[in-house]
Amino acid sequence: MDFQIERAREEGYSSLIHLISEVYDQIPPGQKDWFVVDPEEETMRRLKNGIAWGYTAVETESGALAGVFTVVFPETSPANLGRDVGLPEEALPLVAHMDTAAIVPAYRGYGLQKRMMEYAEEELRQAGYRYLCCTAHPQNKYSKNNILAEGYRVAATKEKYGGFLRDIFVKEIKHV
């Protein structure tokens, strides 16, 4: 199977958000805390205001949306994960959060999370970002393995998102 990865355009934001909700709804009840989803309105606001970028993976033969990925730019907000990993205040504007990855179950196993992360990382590098941070539930071995395979390291484990335990990962990237 072949996939086209690209930055989402505004006319596709609703589909991106819908897919995140759809994937969340399919998570087994005992694992719902593994995947914290922002309210749809907040995700739309961030995308429209450029506070976040969205990415899509489309299966080329059928044109089906197979997966989505979002990156959030926290600036110097209290929610900036750079604070949790010990970055100095002056580095916080150079932090991007590799935020949400959602893959349709039928398209899992094709490395789409990895491919979308790599695509986003290259755009972030070109845009001047230096630190990439993300979180995963400590028991979510699938996401953790994907993140570690991309060169991230666990820098902290603490409660985030209203009391959910998370491993916090960081990766420093070099400018082009």
C-alpha atoms as a PDB file:
ATOM      1  CA  MET A   1       0.000   0.000   0.000  1.00  0.00           C
ATOM      2  CA  ASP A   2       1.196   3.490  -0.785  1.00  0.00           C
ATOM      3  CA  PHE A   3       0.391   6.659   1.139  1.00  0.00           C
ATOM      4  CA  GLN A   4       0.692  10.370   0.459  1.00  0.00           C
ATOM      5  CA  ILE A   5       1.780  12.381   3.506  1.00  0.00           C
ATOM      6  CA  GLU A   6       1.176  16.116   3.453  1.00  0.00           C
ATOM      7  CA  ARG A   7       0.324  19.119   5.572  1.00  0.00           C
ATOM      8  CA  ALA A   8      -3.422  19.440   6.041  1.00  0.00           C
ATOM      9  CA  ARG A   9      -5.173  22.371   4.427  1.00  0.00           C
ATOM     10  CA  GLU A  10      -7.937  24.307   6.115  1.00  0.00           C
ATOM     11  CA  GLU A  11     -10.643  22.621   4.061  1.00  0.00           C
ATOM     12  CA  GLY A  12      -9.471  19.267   5.486  1.00  0.00           C
ATOM     13  CA  TYR A  13      -9.355  20.249   9.159  1.00  0.00           C
ATOM     14  CA  SER A  14     -12.842  18.869   9.887  1.00  0.00           C
ATOM     15  CA  SER A  15     -11.898  15.461   8.461  1.00  0.00           C
ATOM     16  CA  LEU A  16      -8.683  15.455  10.485  1.00  0.00           C
ATOM     17  CA  ILE A  17     -10.561  16.233  13.700  1.00  0.00           C
ATOM     18  CA  HIS A  18     -13.288  13.701  12.906  1.00  0.00           C
ATOM     19  CA  LEU A  19     -10.699  10.953  12.396  1.00  0.00           C
ATOM     20  CA  ILE A  20      -9.114  11.695  15.794  1.00  0.00           C
ATOM     21  CA  SER A  21     -12.534  11.350  17.455  1.00  0.00           C
ATOM     22  CA  GLU A  22     -13.326   8.200  15.490  1.00  0.00           C
ATOM     23  CA  VAL A  23     -10.067   6.529  16.532  1.00  0.00           C
ATOM     24  CA  TYR A  24     -10.594   7.594  20.153  1.00  0.00           C
ATOM     25  CA  ASP A  25     -14.104   6.097  20.159  1.00  0.00           C
ATOM     26  CA  GLN A  26     -12.624   2.717  19.107  1.00  0.00           C
ATOM     27  CA  ILE A  27     -10.150   2.532  22.000  1.00  0.00           C
ATOM     28  CA  PRO A  28     -11.095  -0.142  24.565  1.00  0.00           C
ATOM     29  CA  PRO A  29     -12.583   1.316  27.783  1.00  0.00           C
ATOM     30  CA  GLY A  30      -9.611   0.226  29.914  1.00  0.00           C
ATOM     31  CA  GLN A  31      -7.190   2.138  27.681  1.00  0.00           C
ATOM     32  CA  LYS A  32      -9.062   5.413  27.139  1.00  0.00           C
ATOM     33  CA  ASP A  33      -6.582   7.249  29.385  1.00  0.00           C
ATOM     34  CA  TRP A  34      -3.788   6.280  26.959  1.00  0.00           C
ATOM     35  CA  PHE A  35      -5.097   8.785  24.413  1.00  0.00           C
ATOM     36  CA  VAL A  36      -6.110  12.199  25.745  1.00  0.00           C
ATOM     37  CA  VAL A  37      -7.990  14.140  23.094  1.00  0.00           C
ATOM     38  CA  ASP A  38      -8.398  17.906  23.107  1.00  0.00           C
ATOM     39  CA  PRO A  39     -11.912  19.238  22.529  1.00  0.00           C
ATOM     40  CA  GLU A  40     -12.675  19.463  18.790  1.00  0.00           C
ATOM     41  CA  GLU A  41     -13.249  23.232  19.011  1.00  0.00           C
ATOM     42  CA  GLU A  42      -9.812  23.730  20.582  1.00  0.00           C
ATOM     43  CA  THR A  43      -8.081  21.663  17.905  1.00  0.00           C
ATOM     44  CA  MET A  44      -9.900  23.602  15.165  1.00  0.00           C
ATOM     45  CA  ARG A  45      -8.986  26.936  16.771  1.00  0.00           C
ATOM     46  CA  ARG A  46      -5.320  25.960  17.005  1.00  0.00           C
ATOM     47  CA  LEU A  47      -5.183  24.783  13.392  1.00  0.00           C
ATOM     48  CA  LYS A  48      -6.927  27.889  12.045  1.00  0.00           C
ATOM     49  CA  ASN A  49      -4.742  30.237  14.087  1.00  0.00           C
ATOM     50  CA  GLY A  50      -1.483  28.530  13.150  1.00  0.00           C
ATOM     51  CA  ILE A  51      -0.860  27.442  16.747  1.00  0.00           C
ATOM     52  CA  ALA A  52      -0.899  23.886  15.393  1.00  0.00           C
ATOM     53  CA  TRP A  53      -0.167  22.139  12.131  1.00  0.00           C
ATOM     54  CA  GLY A  54      -2.025  19.076  10.944  1.00  0.00           C
ATOM     55  CA  TYR A  55      -0.755  16.294   8.703  1.00  0.00           C
ATOM     56  CA  THR A  56      -2.617  13.622   6.796  1.00  0.00           C
ATOM     57  CA  ALA A  57      -1.754  10.223   5.397  1.00  0.00           C
ATOM     58  CA  VAL A  58      -3.993   9.312   2.462  1.00  0.00           C
ATOM     59  CA  GLU A  59      -3.997   5.859   0.889  1.00  0.00           C
ATOM     60  CA  THR A  60      -3.215   6.707  -2.724  1.00  0.00           C
ATOM     61  CA  GLU A  61      -5.279   4.065  -4.541  1.00  0.00           C
ATOM     62  CA  SER A  62      -8.565   4.617  -2.690  1.00  0.00           C
ATOM     63  CA  GLY A  63      -8.047   8.205  -1.526  1.00  0.00           C
ATOM     64  CA  ALA A  64      -9.055   7.142   1.993  1.00  0.00           C
ATOM     65  CA  LEU A  65      -7.803   9.137   4.944  1.00  0.00           C
ATOM     66  CA  ALA A  66      -5.629   6.584   6.766  1.00  0.00           C
ATOM     67  CA  GLY A  67      -4.132   8.667   9.547  1.00  0.00           C
ATOM     68  CA  VAL A  68      -3.557  12.128  10.937  1.00  0.00           C
ATOM     69  CA  PHE A  69      -0.937  13.817  13.060  1.00  0.00           C
ATOM     70  CA  THR A  70      -0.843  17.192  14.792  1.00  0.00           C
ATOM     71  CA  VAL A  71       1.963  19.417  16.001  1.00  0.00           C
ATOM     72  CA  VAL A  72       1.280  22.156  18.566  1.00  0.00           C
ATOM     73  CA  PHE A  73       3.372  25.274  19.183  1.00  0.00           C
ATOM     74  CA  PRO A  74       3.133  26.052  22.910  1.00  0.00           C
ATOM     75  CA  GLU A  75       5.359  29.160  22.835  1.00  0.00           C
ATOM     76  CA  THR A  76       6.093  30.074  26.471  1.00  0.00           C
ATOM     77  CA  SER A  77       2.799  28.812  27.915  1.00  0.00           C
ATOM     78  CA  PRO A  78       2.755  26.918  31.214  1.00  0.00           C
ATOM     79  CA  ALA A  79       1.812  23.787  29.203  1.00  0.00           C
ATOM     80  CA  ASN A  80       5.116  23.822  27.267  1.00  0.00           C
ATOM     81  CA  LEU A  81       6.674  20.385  27.808  1.00  0.00           C
ATOM     82  CA  GLY A  82      10.093  22.010  27.586  1.00  0.00           C
ATOM     83  CA  ARG A  83       9.507  23.129  31.170  1.00  0.00           C
ATOM     84  CA  ASP A  84       9.004  19.494  32.231  1.00  0.00           C
ATOM     85  CA  VAL A  85      12.265  18.366  30.625  1.00  0.00           C
ATOM     86  CA  GLY A  86      14.343  21.186  32.096  1.00  0.00           C
ATOM     87  CA  LEU A  87      14.812  23.502  29.119  1.00  0.00           C
ATOM     88  CA  PRO A  88      15.709  27.109  29.969  1.00  0.00           C
ATOM     89  CA  GLU A  89      13.064  29.819  29.492  1.00  0.00           C
ATOM     90  CA  GLU A  90      14.819  31.228  26.395  1.00  0.00           C
ATOM     91  CA  ALA A  91      14.546  27.822  24.656  1.00  0.00           C
ATOM     92  CA  LEU A  92      10.771  27.503  25.111  1.00  0.00           C
ATOM     93  CA  PRO A  93       9.825  29.345  21.878  1.00  0.00           C
ATOM     94  CA  LEU A  94      11.910  26.730  19.999  1.00  0.00           C
ATOM     95  CA  VAL A  95       9.778  23.829  21.301  1.00  0.00           C
ATOM     96  CA  ALA A  96       7.159  22.041  19.213  1.00  0.00           C
ATOM     97  CA  HIS A  97       4.862  19.381  20.644  1.00  0.00           C
ATOM     98  CA  MET A  98       4.503  16.295  18.498  1.00  0.00           C
ATOM     99  CA  ASP A  99       0.950  16.033  19.714  1.00  0.00           C
ATOM    100  CA  THR A 100      -1.659  13.629  18.369  1.00  0.00           C
ATOM    101  CA  ALA A 101      -1.282  10.628  16.095  1.00  0.00           C
ATOM    102  CA  ALA A 102      -4.410   8.748  15.046  1.00  0.00           C
ATOM    103  CA  ILE A 103      -4.325   5.875  12.567  1.00  0.00           C
ATOM    104  CA  VAL A 104      -7.410   4.084  11.215  1.00  0.00           C
ATOM    105  CA  PRO A 105      -7.190   0.458  12.434  1.00  0.00           C
ATOM    106  CA  ALA A 106      -7.215  -0.943   8.872  1.00  0.00           C
ATOM    107  CA  TYR A 107      -4.039   1.033   8.097  1.00  0.00           C
ATOM    108  CA  ARG A 108      -2.018   0.227  11.200  1.00  0.00           C
ATOM    109  CA  GLY A 109       1.248  -1.582  10.665  1.00  0.00           C
ATOM    110  CA  TYR A 110       2.355   0.538   7.699  1.00  0.00           C
ATOM    111  CA  GLY A 111       4.539   2.891   9.737  1.00  0.00           C
ATOM    112  CA  LEU A 112       2.255   5.883   9.277  1.00  0.00           C
ATOM    113  CA  GLN A 113       2.919   7.426  12.699  1.00  0.00           C
ATOM    114  CA  LYS A 114       6.644   7.251  11.988  1.00  0.00           C
ATOM    115  CA  ARG A 115       6.273   8.644   8.479  1.00  0.00           C
ATOM    116  CA  MET A 116       4.071  11.541   9.565  1.00  0.00           C
ATOM    117  CA  MET A 117       6.419  12.363  12.461  1.00  0.00           C
ATOM    118  CA  GLU A 118       9.404  12.396  10.088  1.00  0.00           C
ATOM    119  CA  TYR A 119       7.569  14.591   7.583  1.00  0.00           C
ATOM    120  CA  ALA A 120       6.584  17.046  10.334  1.00  0.00           C
ATOM    121  CA  GLU A 121      10.079  16.973  11.811  1.00  0.00           C
ATOM    122  CA  GLU A 122      11.626  18.068   8.529  1.00  0.00           C
ATOM    123  CA  GLU A 123       9.201  20.985   8.227  1.00  0.00           C
ATOM    124  CA  LEU A 124       9.870  21.960  11.850  1.00  0.00           C
ATOM    125  CA  ARG A 125      13.622  21.830  11.266  1.00  0.00           C
ATOM    126  CA  GLN A 126      13.250  24.142   8.268  1.00  0.00           C
ATOM    127  CA  ALA A 127      11.033  26.469  10.339  1.00  0.00           C
ATOM    128  CA  GLY A 128      13.757  26.819  12.973  1.00  0.00           C
ATOM    129  CA  TYR A 129      12.389  24.676  15.795  1.00  0.00           C
ATOM    130  CA  ARG A 130      15.057  22.999  17.893  1.00  0.00           C
ATOM    131  CA  TYR A 131      13.285  20.834  20.473  1.00  0.00           C
ATOM    132  CA  LEU A 132      10.535  18.322  19.834  1.00  0.00           C
ATOM    133  CA  CYS A 133       8.575  17.055  22.816  1.00  0.00           C
ATOM    134  CA  CYS A 134       5.804  14.514  23.136  1.00  0.00           C
ATOM    135  CA  THR A 135       4.131  12.283  25.679  1.00  0.00           C
ATOM    136  CA  ALA A 136       2.920   8.702  25.881  1.00  0.00           C
ATOM    137  CA  HIS A 137       1.239   6.628  28.532  1.00  0.00           C
ATOM    138  CA  PRO A 138       3.977   4.579  30.233  1.00  0.00           C
ATOM    139  CA  GLN A 139       2.210   1.316  29.292  1.00  0.00           C
ATOM    140  CA  ASN A 140       1.568   2.246  25.655  1.00  0.00           C
ATOM    141  CA  LYS A 141       4.447   0.248  24.202  1.00  0.00           C
ATOM    142  CA  TYR A 142       3.385   0.881  20.596  1.00  0.00           C
ATOM    143  CA  SER A 143       3.615   4.653  20.795  1.00  0.00           C
ATOM    144  CA  LYS A 144       6.664   4.532  23.046  1.00  0.00           C
ATOM    145  CA  ASN A 145       8.517   2.225  20.644  1.00  0.00           C
ATOM    146  CA  ASN A 146       7.666   4.500  17.700  1.00  0.00           C
ATOM    147  CA  ILE A 147       8.849   7.570  19.599  1.00  0.00           C
ATOM    148  CA  LEU A 148      12.087   5.979  20.827  1.00  0.00           C
ATOM    149  CA  ALA A 149      12.829   4.653  17.324  1.00  0.00           C
ATOM    150  CA  GLU A 150      12.733   8.268  16.091  1.00  0.00           C
ATOM    151  CA  GLY A 151      15.546   9.286  18.426  1.00  0.00           C
ATOM    152  CA  TYR A 152      13.582  10.722  21.324  1.00  0.00           C
ATOM    153  CA  ARG A 153      14.571  10.033  24.919  1.00  0.00           C
ATOM    154  CA  VAL A 154      12.411   9.840  28.033  1.00  0.00           C
ATOM    155  CA  ALA A 155      13.271  12.940  30.040  1.00  0.00           C
ATOM    156  CA  ALA A 156      10.577  12.758  32.734  1.00  0.00           C
ATOM    157  CA  THR A 157       7.514  10.854  33.901  1.00  0.00           C
ATOM    158  CA  LYS A 158       4.771  12.855  35.570  1.00  0.00           C
ATOM    159  CA  GLU A 159       1.079  13.621  35.614  1.00  0.00           C
ATOM    160  CA  LYS A 160      -0.127  15.733  32.691  1.00  0.00           C
ATOM    161  CA  TYR A 161      -3.475  16.603  31.070  1.00  0.00           C
ATOM    162  CA  GLY A 162      -5.461  16.755  34.291  1.00  0.00           C
ATOM    163  CA  GLY A 163      -3.829  13.883  36.180  1.00  0.00           C
ATOM    164  CA  PHE A 164      -2.836  11.311  33.549  1.00  0.00           C
ATOM    165  CA  LEU A 165       0.590   9.721  34.044  1.00  0.00           C
ATOM    166  CA  ARG A 166       2.835  10.287  31.011  1.00  0.00           C
ATOM    167  CA  ASP A 167       6.377   9.659  29.912  1.00  0.00           C
ATOM    168  CA  ILE A 168       7.669  12.936  28.477  1.00  0.00           C
ATOM    169  CA  PHE A 169      10.048  12.617  25.553  1.00  0.00           C
ATOM    170  CA  VAL A 170      12.409  15.163  24.032  1.00  0.00           C
ATOM    171  CA  LYS A 171      14.521  15.264  20.897  1.00  0.00           C
ATOM    172  CA  GLU A 172      16.889  18.022  19.864  1.00  0.00           C
ATOM    173  CA  ILE A 173      17.046  18.681  16.143  1.00  0.00           C
ATOM    174  CA  LYS A 174      19.641  20.625  14.218  1.00  0.00           C
ATOM    175  CA  HIS A 175      18.883  23.418  11.763  1.00  0.00           C
ATOM    176  CA  VAL A 176      19.500  22.946   8.052  1.00  0.00           C
END
